[in-house]
C-alpha cells in the first residue's frame, strides 16, 4: 500500500532544488552548509549521463549525477571520465567517505599504502583520512562511477575549476581545497599537478 508520504516523494522526481550560492572561506563554513542540507528532503532523481552537468571539464571530465543539495546532504554521485594518465594527486578527506567503481578502461588506483591497476567492475573505497589517487593507464582513457558521503564533494571541483580558469596557479587552487574537506598530500609535486587535468 502506498501512503501519502510515498505519493508525495514519487511526485517530486527531478524537482529542481535551489542552490545556495555561499562563499566558503573555511572548513567550518563548508560543514555548516552540509548541516543545512541535512535538514532538507532528498529529491528522487532519474538522469541520463549525457544530460548531467559537467562540473570539471578537461582531461578529467566530471559529470554531476546527484548533488549534495539534491540528496539532502547524504551524498554526491558523479561519473568521472579520464584522459590517459590524468587523475587527482594523492589526497584525503578528513570527514568524507569516497567510493569508486570502474565502468571502463584501466585505472591505477591507490588506496592507503596499496596501489593496483584495476578494470571494469572493480571497486575501491577510501574511508575518512585515507590517502587515495587514481589515473587512467595503458595509454587509454577510463570512466569511474564515484560516490561521496556526506554530500558536497562537487563544491570542491567547482572551486578548483573556477580558480584555474581565473588564472590562479594550480598549487594555490589545490591549497584552497582544504575548505571543501580535501587535503592534497603534496601541493608542490609538479608531476602530480600535471595529471589533475583541469
C-alpha atoms as a PDB file:
ATOM      1  CA  UNK A   1       0.000   0.000   0.000  1.00  0.00           C
ATOM      2  CA  UNK A   2       1.325   3.420  -0.958  1.00  0.00           C
ATOM      3  CA  UNK A   3       0.813   6.031   1.750  1.00  0.00           C
ATOM      4  CA  UNK A   4       0.731   9.824   1.377  1.00  0.00           C
ATOM      5  CA  UNK A   5       4.450  10.222   2.128  1.00  0.00           C
ATOM      6  CA  UNK A   6       5.383   7.807  -0.663  1.00  0.00           C
ATOM      7  CA  UNK A   7       2.983   9.538  -3.086  1.00  0.00           C
ATOM      8  CA  UNK A   8       4.469  12.944  -2.219  1.00  0.00           C
ATOM      9  CA  UNK A   9       8.000  11.636  -2.739  1.00  0.00           C
ATOM     10  CA  UNK A  10       7.076   9.949  -6.021  1.00  0.00           C
ATOM     11  CA  UNK A  11       5.683  13.258  -7.304  1.00  0.00           C
ATOM     12  CA  UNK A  12       8.984  15.077  -6.611  1.00  0.00           C
ATOM     13  CA  UNK A  13      11.190  13.157  -9.079  1.00  0.00           C
ATOM     14  CA  UNK A  14      13.700  15.533 -10.689  1.00  0.00           C
ATOM     15  CA  UNK A  15      12.378  18.572  -8.810  1.00  0.00           C
ATOM     16  CA  UNK A  16      14.891  21.393  -9.241  1.00  0.00           C
ATOM     17  CA  UNK A  17      16.499  22.288  -5.921  1.00  0.00           C
ATOM     18  CA  UNK A  18      17.505  25.892  -5.347  1.00  0.00           C
ATOM     19  CA  UNK A  19      21.234  26.030  -4.879  1.00  0.00           C
ATOM     20  CA  UNK A  20      22.508  28.304  -2.143  1.00  0.00           C
ATOM     21  CA  UNK A  21      25.451  30.266  -3.539  1.00  0.00           C
ATOM     22  CA  UNK A  22      27.514  30.668  -0.423  1.00  0.00           C
ATOM     23  CA  UNK A  23      31.089  31.816  -0.076  1.00  0.00           C
ATOM     24  CA  UNK A  24      33.125  29.104   1.595  1.00  0.00           C
ATOM     25  CA  UNK A  25      36.189  30.536   3.340  1.00  0.00           C
ATOM     26  CA  UNK A  26      36.846  27.821   5.910  1.00  0.00           C
ATOM     27  CA  UNK A  27      36.115  24.167   6.605  1.00  0.00           C
ATOM     28  CA  UNK A  28      33.603  25.341   9.224  1.00  0.00           C
ATOM     29  CA  UNK A  29      31.610  27.196   6.524  1.00  0.00           C
ATOM     30  CA  UNK A  30      31.516  24.024   4.465  1.00  0.00           C
ATOM     31  CA  UNK A  31      30.453  21.797   7.370  1.00  0.00           C
ATOM     32  CA  UNK A  32      27.688  24.291   8.243  1.00  0.00           C
ATOM     33  CA  UNK A  33      26.420  24.074   4.644  1.00  0.00           C
ATOM     34  CA  UNK A  34      26.319  20.275   4.915  1.00  0.00           C
ATOM     35  CA  UNK A  35      24.321  20.523   8.148  1.00  0.00           C
ATOM     36  CA  UNK A  36      21.756  22.799   6.467  1.00  0.00           C
ATOM     37  CA  UNK A  37      21.382  20.327   3.590  1.00  0.00           C
ATOM     38  CA  UNK A  38      20.715  17.525   6.059  1.00  0.00           C
ATOM     39  CA  UNK A  39      17.510  19.336   7.104  1.00  0.00           C
ATOM     40  CA  UNK A  40      16.199  19.278   3.513  1.00  0.00           C
ATOM     41  CA  UNK A  41      14.364  16.364   1.882  1.00  0.00           C
ATOM     42  CA  UNK A  42      16.169  14.192  -0.641  1.00  0.00           C
ATOM     43  CA  UNK A  43      14.872  14.514  -4.204  1.00  0.00           C
ATOM     44  CA  UNK A  44      14.201  11.307  -6.177  1.00  0.00           C
ATOM     45  CA  UNK A  45      16.143  11.592  -9.435  1.00  0.00           C
ATOM     46  CA  UNK A  46      16.367   9.886 -12.800  1.00  0.00           C
ATOM     47  CA  UNK A  47      19.056  11.309 -15.083  1.00  0.00           C
ATOM     48  CA  UNK A  48      20.868  10.295 -18.248  1.00  0.00           C
ATOM     49  CA  UNK A  49      24.614  10.821 -18.003  1.00  0.00           C
ATOM     50  CA  UNK A  50      24.542  12.774 -21.285  1.00  0.00           C
ATOM     51  CA  UNK A  51      22.202  15.299 -19.631  1.00  0.00           C
ATOM     52  CA  UNK A  52      24.173  15.682 -16.395  1.00  0.00           C
ATOM     53  CA  UNK A  53      26.107  18.943 -15.982  1.00  0.00           C
ATOM     54  CA  UNK A  54      29.908  18.889 -16.157  1.00  0.00           C
ATOM     55  CA  UNK A  55      31.469  20.348 -13.031  1.00  0.00           C
ATOM     56  CA  UNK A  56      35.011  19.803 -14.267  1.00  0.00           C
ATOM     57  CA  UNK A  57      35.646  19.743 -17.989  1.00  0.00           C
ATOM     58  CA  UNK A  58      39.063  18.982 -19.387  1.00  0.00           C
ATOM     59  CA  UNK A  59      41.322  15.951 -19.344  1.00  0.00           C
ATOM     60  CA  UNK A  60      39.340  14.942 -16.255  1.00  0.00           C
ATOM     61  CA  UNK A  61      35.627  15.407 -17.006  1.00  0.00           C
ATOM     62  CA  UNK A  62      33.261  15.085 -14.062  1.00  0.00           C
ATOM     63  CA  UNK A  63      29.510  14.785 -14.665  1.00  0.00           C
ATOM     64  CA  UNK A  64      27.378  15.542 -11.616  1.00  0.00           C
ATOM     65  CA  UNK A  65      24.648  12.914 -11.347  1.00  0.00           C
ATOM     66  CA  UNK A  66      23.400  13.840  -7.852  1.00  0.00           C
ATOM     67  CA  UNK A  67      24.404  16.871  -5.768  1.00  0.00           C
ATOM     68  CA  UNK A  68      24.596  17.416  -2.039  1.00  0.00           C
ATOM     69  CA  UNK A  69      21.528  19.659  -2.199  1.00  0.00           C
ATOM     70  CA  UNK A  70      19.514  17.014  -4.069  1.00  0.00           C
ATOM     71  CA  UNK A  71      20.420  14.200  -1.672  1.00  0.00           C
ATOM     72  CA  UNK A  72      19.574  16.144   1.477  1.00  0.00           C
ATOM     73  CA  UNK A  73      23.287  16.201   2.235  1.00  0.00           C
ATOM     74  CA  UNK A  74      23.622  12.408   2.248  1.00  0.00           C
ATOM     75  CA  UNK A  75      25.997  12.039  -0.707  1.00  0.00           C
ATOM     76  CA  UNK A  76      27.197  13.243  -4.090  1.00  0.00           C
ATOM     77  CA  UNK A  77      27.359  10.964  -7.135  1.00  0.00           C
ATOM     78  CA  UNK A  78      29.440  11.569 -10.255  1.00  0.00           C
ATOM     79  CA  UNK A  79      30.723   9.968 -13.424  1.00  0.00           C
ATOM     80  CA  UNK A  80      34.424  10.681 -13.976  1.00  0.00           C
ATOM     81  CA  UNK A  81      35.913  10.368 -17.479  1.00  0.00           C
ATOM     82  CA  UNK A  82      39.705  10.427 -17.529  1.00  0.00           C
ATOM     83  CA  UNK A  83      42.013  11.076 -20.453  1.00  0.00           C
ATOM     84  CA  UNK A  84      45.130   8.831 -20.452  1.00  0.00           C
ATOM     85  CA  UNK A  85      47.442   9.483 -17.489  1.00  0.00           C
ATOM     86  CA  UNK A  86      45.159  12.045 -15.826  1.00  0.00           C
ATOM     87  CA  UNK A  87      43.615  11.997 -12.378  1.00  0.00           C
ATOM     88  CA  UNK A  88      43.894  13.642  -8.977  1.00  0.00           C
ATOM     89  CA  UNK A  89      47.099  13.703  -6.940  1.00  0.00           C
ATOM     90  CA  UNK A  90      47.300  11.751  -3.669  1.00  0.00           C
ATOM     91  CA  UNK A  91      44.853  13.321  -1.220  1.00  0.00           C
ATOM     92  CA  UNK A  92      42.382  12.507   1.535  1.00  0.00           C
ATOM     93  CA  UNK A  93      39.159  13.825   3.019  1.00  0.00           C
ATOM     94  CA  UNK A  94      39.096  14.183   6.819  1.00  0.00           C
ATOM     95  CA  UNK A  95      35.302  13.789   7.094  1.00  0.00           C
ATOM     96  CA  UNK A  96      34.157  12.043   3.934  1.00  0.00           C
ATOM     97  CA  UNK A  97      33.863   8.520   2.540  1.00  0.00           C
ATOM     98  CA  UNK A  98      34.629   8.036  -1.162  1.00  0.00           C
ATOM     99  CA  UNK A  99      33.848   5.006  -3.309  1.00  0.00           C
ATOM    100  CA  UNK A 100      34.890   4.225  -6.889  1.00  0.00           C
ATOM    101  CA  UNK A 101      33.557   1.681  -9.374  1.00  0.00           C
ATOM    102  CA  UNK A 102      35.432   1.266 -12.680  1.00  0.00           C
ATOM    103  CA  UNK A 103      32.999   1.407 -15.611  1.00  0.00           C
ATOM    104  CA  UNK A 104      35.504   1.204 -18.477  1.00  0.00           C
ATOM    105  CA  UNK A 105      39.233   1.290 -19.121  1.00  0.00           C
ATOM    106  CA  UNK A 106      42.019   0.559 -16.668  1.00  0.00           C
ATOM    107  CA  UNK A 107      42.924   2.722 -13.716  1.00  0.00           C
ATOM    108  CA  UNK A 108      45.956   2.714 -11.463  1.00  0.00           C
ATOM    109  CA  UNK A 109      44.387   3.411  -8.100  1.00  0.00           C
ATOM    110  CA  UNK A 110      45.985   3.936  -4.727  1.00  0.00           C
ATOM    111  CA  UNK A 111      44.047   3.398  -1.518  1.00  0.00           C
ATOM    112  CA  UNK A 112      46.192   3.917   1.576  1.00  0.00           C
ATOM    113  CA  UNK A 113      49.510   2.108   1.087  1.00  0.00           C
ATOM    114  CA  UNK A 114      48.264  -0.189  -1.684  1.00  0.00           C
ATOM    115  CA  UNK A 115      48.341   0.512  -5.430  1.00  0.00           C
ATOM    116  CA  UNK A 116      46.800  -1.721  -8.113  1.00  0.00           C
ATOM    117  CA  UNK A 117      45.748  -1.489 -11.721  1.00  0.00           C
ATOM    118  CA  UNK A 118      42.023  -2.240 -11.838  1.00  0.00           C
ATOM    119  CA  UNK A 119      39.485  -2.588 -14.634  1.00  0.00           C
ATOM    120  CA  UNK A 120      35.755  -2.730 -15.395  1.00  0.00           C
ATOM    121  CA  UNK A 121      33.723  -3.995 -12.454  1.00  0.00           C
ATOM    122  CA  UNK A 122      36.446  -3.354  -9.888  1.00  0.00           C
ATOM    123  CA  UNK A 123      35.797  -1.278  -6.773  1.00  0.00           C
ATOM    124  CA  UNK A 124      37.732   0.855  -4.285  1.00  0.00           C
ATOM    125  CA  UNK A 125      36.752   2.523  -1.014  1.00  0.00           C
ATOM    126  CA  UNK A 126      38.541   5.322   0.853  1.00  0.00           C
ATOM    127  CA  UNK A 127      37.103   5.989   4.327  1.00  0.00           C
ATOM    128  CA  UNK A 128      37.876   9.337   6.003  1.00  0.00           C
ATOM    129  CA  UNK A 129      41.589  10.108   6.427  1.00  0.00           C
ATOM    130  CA  UNK A 130      42.719   7.531   3.852  1.00  0.00           C
ATOM    131  CA  UNK A 131      45.064   8.640   1.084  1.00  0.00           C
ATOM    132  CA  UNK A 132      43.747   7.891  -2.397  1.00  0.00           C
ATOM    133  CA  UNK A 133      44.504   8.779  -6.009  1.00  0.00           C
ATOM    134  CA  UNK A 134      43.886   7.337  -9.450  1.00  0.00           C
ATOM    135  CA  UNK A 135      44.729   7.821 -13.103  1.00  0.00           C
ATOM    136  CA  UNK A 136      43.898   6.109 -16.386  1.00  0.00           C
ATOM    137  CA  UNK A 137      46.632   3.761 -17.604  1.00  0.00           C
ATOM    138  CA  UNK A 138      47.642   1.858 -20.716  1.00  0.00           C
ATOM    139  CA  UNK A 139      47.585   4.918 -22.968  1.00  0.00           C
ATOM    140  CA  UNK A 140      43.763   4.933 -22.928  1.00  0.00           C
ATOM    141  CA  UNK A 141      41.035   6.797 -21.074  1.00  0.00           C
ATOM    142  CA  UNK A 142      38.831   5.373 -18.338  1.00  0.00           C
ATOM    143  CA  UNK A 143      35.453   6.018 -16.710  1.00  0.00           C
ATOM    144  CA  UNK A 144      34.703   5.755 -12.981  1.00  0.00           C
ATOM    145  CA  UNK A 145      31.428   5.953 -11.079  1.00  0.00           C
ATOM    146  CA  UNK A 146      32.064   7.780  -7.797  1.00  0.00           C
ATOM    147  CA  UNK A 147      30.009   8.268  -4.644  1.00  0.00           C
ATOM    148  CA  UNK A 148      30.998  10.591  -1.785  1.00  0.00           C
ATOM    149  CA  UNK A 149      29.314  10.809   1.596  1.00  0.00           C
ATOM    150  CA  UNK A 150      28.270  13.186   3.001  1.00  0.00           C
ATOM    151  CA  UNK A 151      27.326  15.329   0.003  1.00  0.00           C
ATOM    152  CA  UNK A 152      29.105  18.422  -1.215  1.00  0.00           C
ATOM    153  CA  UNK A 153      32.234  16.989  -2.849  1.00  0.00           C
ATOM    154  CA  UNK A 154      31.152  18.726  -6.066  1.00  0.00           C
ATOM    155  CA  UNK A 155      31.762  22.125  -4.474  1.00  0.00           C
ATOM    156  CA  UNK A 156      35.497  21.394  -4.311  1.00  0.00           C
ATOM    157  CA  UNK A 157      35.593  20.506  -8.019  1.00  0.00           C
ATOM    158  CA  UNK A 158      33.721  23.691  -8.883  1.00  0.00           C
ATOM    159  CA  UNK A 159      36.115  25.724  -6.738  1.00  0.00           C
ATOM    160  CA  UNK A 160      39.310  24.364  -8.298  1.00  0.00           C
ATOM    161  CA  UNK A 161      37.937  24.677 -11.839  1.00  0.00           C
ATOM    162  CA  UNK A 162      36.971  28.313 -11.215  1.00  0.00           C
ATOM    163  CA  UNK A 163      40.357  29.149  -9.707  1.00  0.00           C
ATOM    164  CA  UNK A 164      42.287  27.646 -12.628  1.00  0.00           C
ATOM    165  CA  UNK A 165      40.018  29.315 -15.218  1.00  0.00           C
ATOM    166  CA  UNK A 166      40.648  32.649 -13.465  1.00  0.00           C
ATOM    167  CA  UNK A 167      44.414  32.217 -13.856  1.00  0.00           C
ATOM    168  CA  UNK A 168      45.400  31.114 -10.355  1.00  0.00           C
ATOM    169  CA  UNK A 169      48.319  28.666 -10.109  1.00  0.00           C
ATOM    170  CA  UNK A 170      47.269  25.051  -9.608  1.00  0.00           C
ATOM    171  CA  UNK A 171      49.124  24.898  -6.254  1.00  0.00           C
ATOM    172  CA  UNK A 172      47.095  27.874  -4.944  1.00  0.00           C
ATOM    173  CA  UNK A 173      43.846  26.335  -6.196  1.00  0.00           C
ATOM    174  CA  UNK A 174      44.614  22.972  -4.595  1.00  0.00           C
ATOM    175  CA  UNK A 175      45.637  24.620  -1.295  1.00  0.00           C
ATOM    176  CA  UNK A 176      42.162  26.214  -1.106  1.00  0.00           C
ATOM    177  CA  UNK A 177      40.527  22.789  -1.356  1.00  0.00           C
ATOM    178  CA  UNK A 178      41.086  22.389   2.406  1.00  0.00           C
ATOM    179  CA  UNK A 179      37.926  24.498   2.825  1.00  0.00           C
ATOM    180  CA  UNK A 180      35.986  21.754   0.973  1.00  0.00           C
ATOM    181  CA  UNK A 181      37.261  18.788   3.010  1.00  0.00           C
ATOM    182  CA  UNK A 182      40.068  17.922   0.524  1.00  0.00           C
ATOM    183  CA  UNK A 183      43.667  17.673   1.736  1.00  0.00           C
ATOM    184  CA  UNK A 184      46.284  17.382  -1.033  1.00  0.00           C
ATOM    185  CA  UNK A 185      49.222  15.399   0.341  1.00  0.00           C
ATOM    186  CA  UNK A 186      51.931  17.289  -1.614  1.00  0.00           C
ATOM    187  CA  UNK A 187      50.826  20.631  -3.071  1.00  0.00           C
ATOM    188  CA  UNK A 188      54.126  21.178  -4.893  1.00  0.00           C
ATOM    189  CA  UNK A 189      54.559  17.847  -6.685  1.00  0.00           C
ATOM    190  CA  UNK A 190      54.891  19.029 -10.298  1.00  0.00           C
ATOM    191  CA  UNK A 191      54.356  15.560 -11.801  1.00  0.00           C
ATOM    192  CA  UNK A 192      51.071  15.048  -9.912  1.00  0.00           C
ATOM    193  CA  UNK A 193      49.925  18.603 -10.626  1.00  0.00           C
ATOM    194  CA  UNK A 194      50.151  17.919 -14.372  1.00  0.00           C
ATOM    195  CA  UNK A 195      47.855  14.883 -14.002  1.00  0.00           C
ATOM    196  CA  UNK A 196      44.924  16.737 -12.425  1.00  0.00           C
ATOM    197  CA  UNK A 197      43.579  17.685 -15.862  1.00  0.00           C
ATOM    198  CA  UNK A 198      41.648  20.928 -15.292  1.00  0.00           C
END
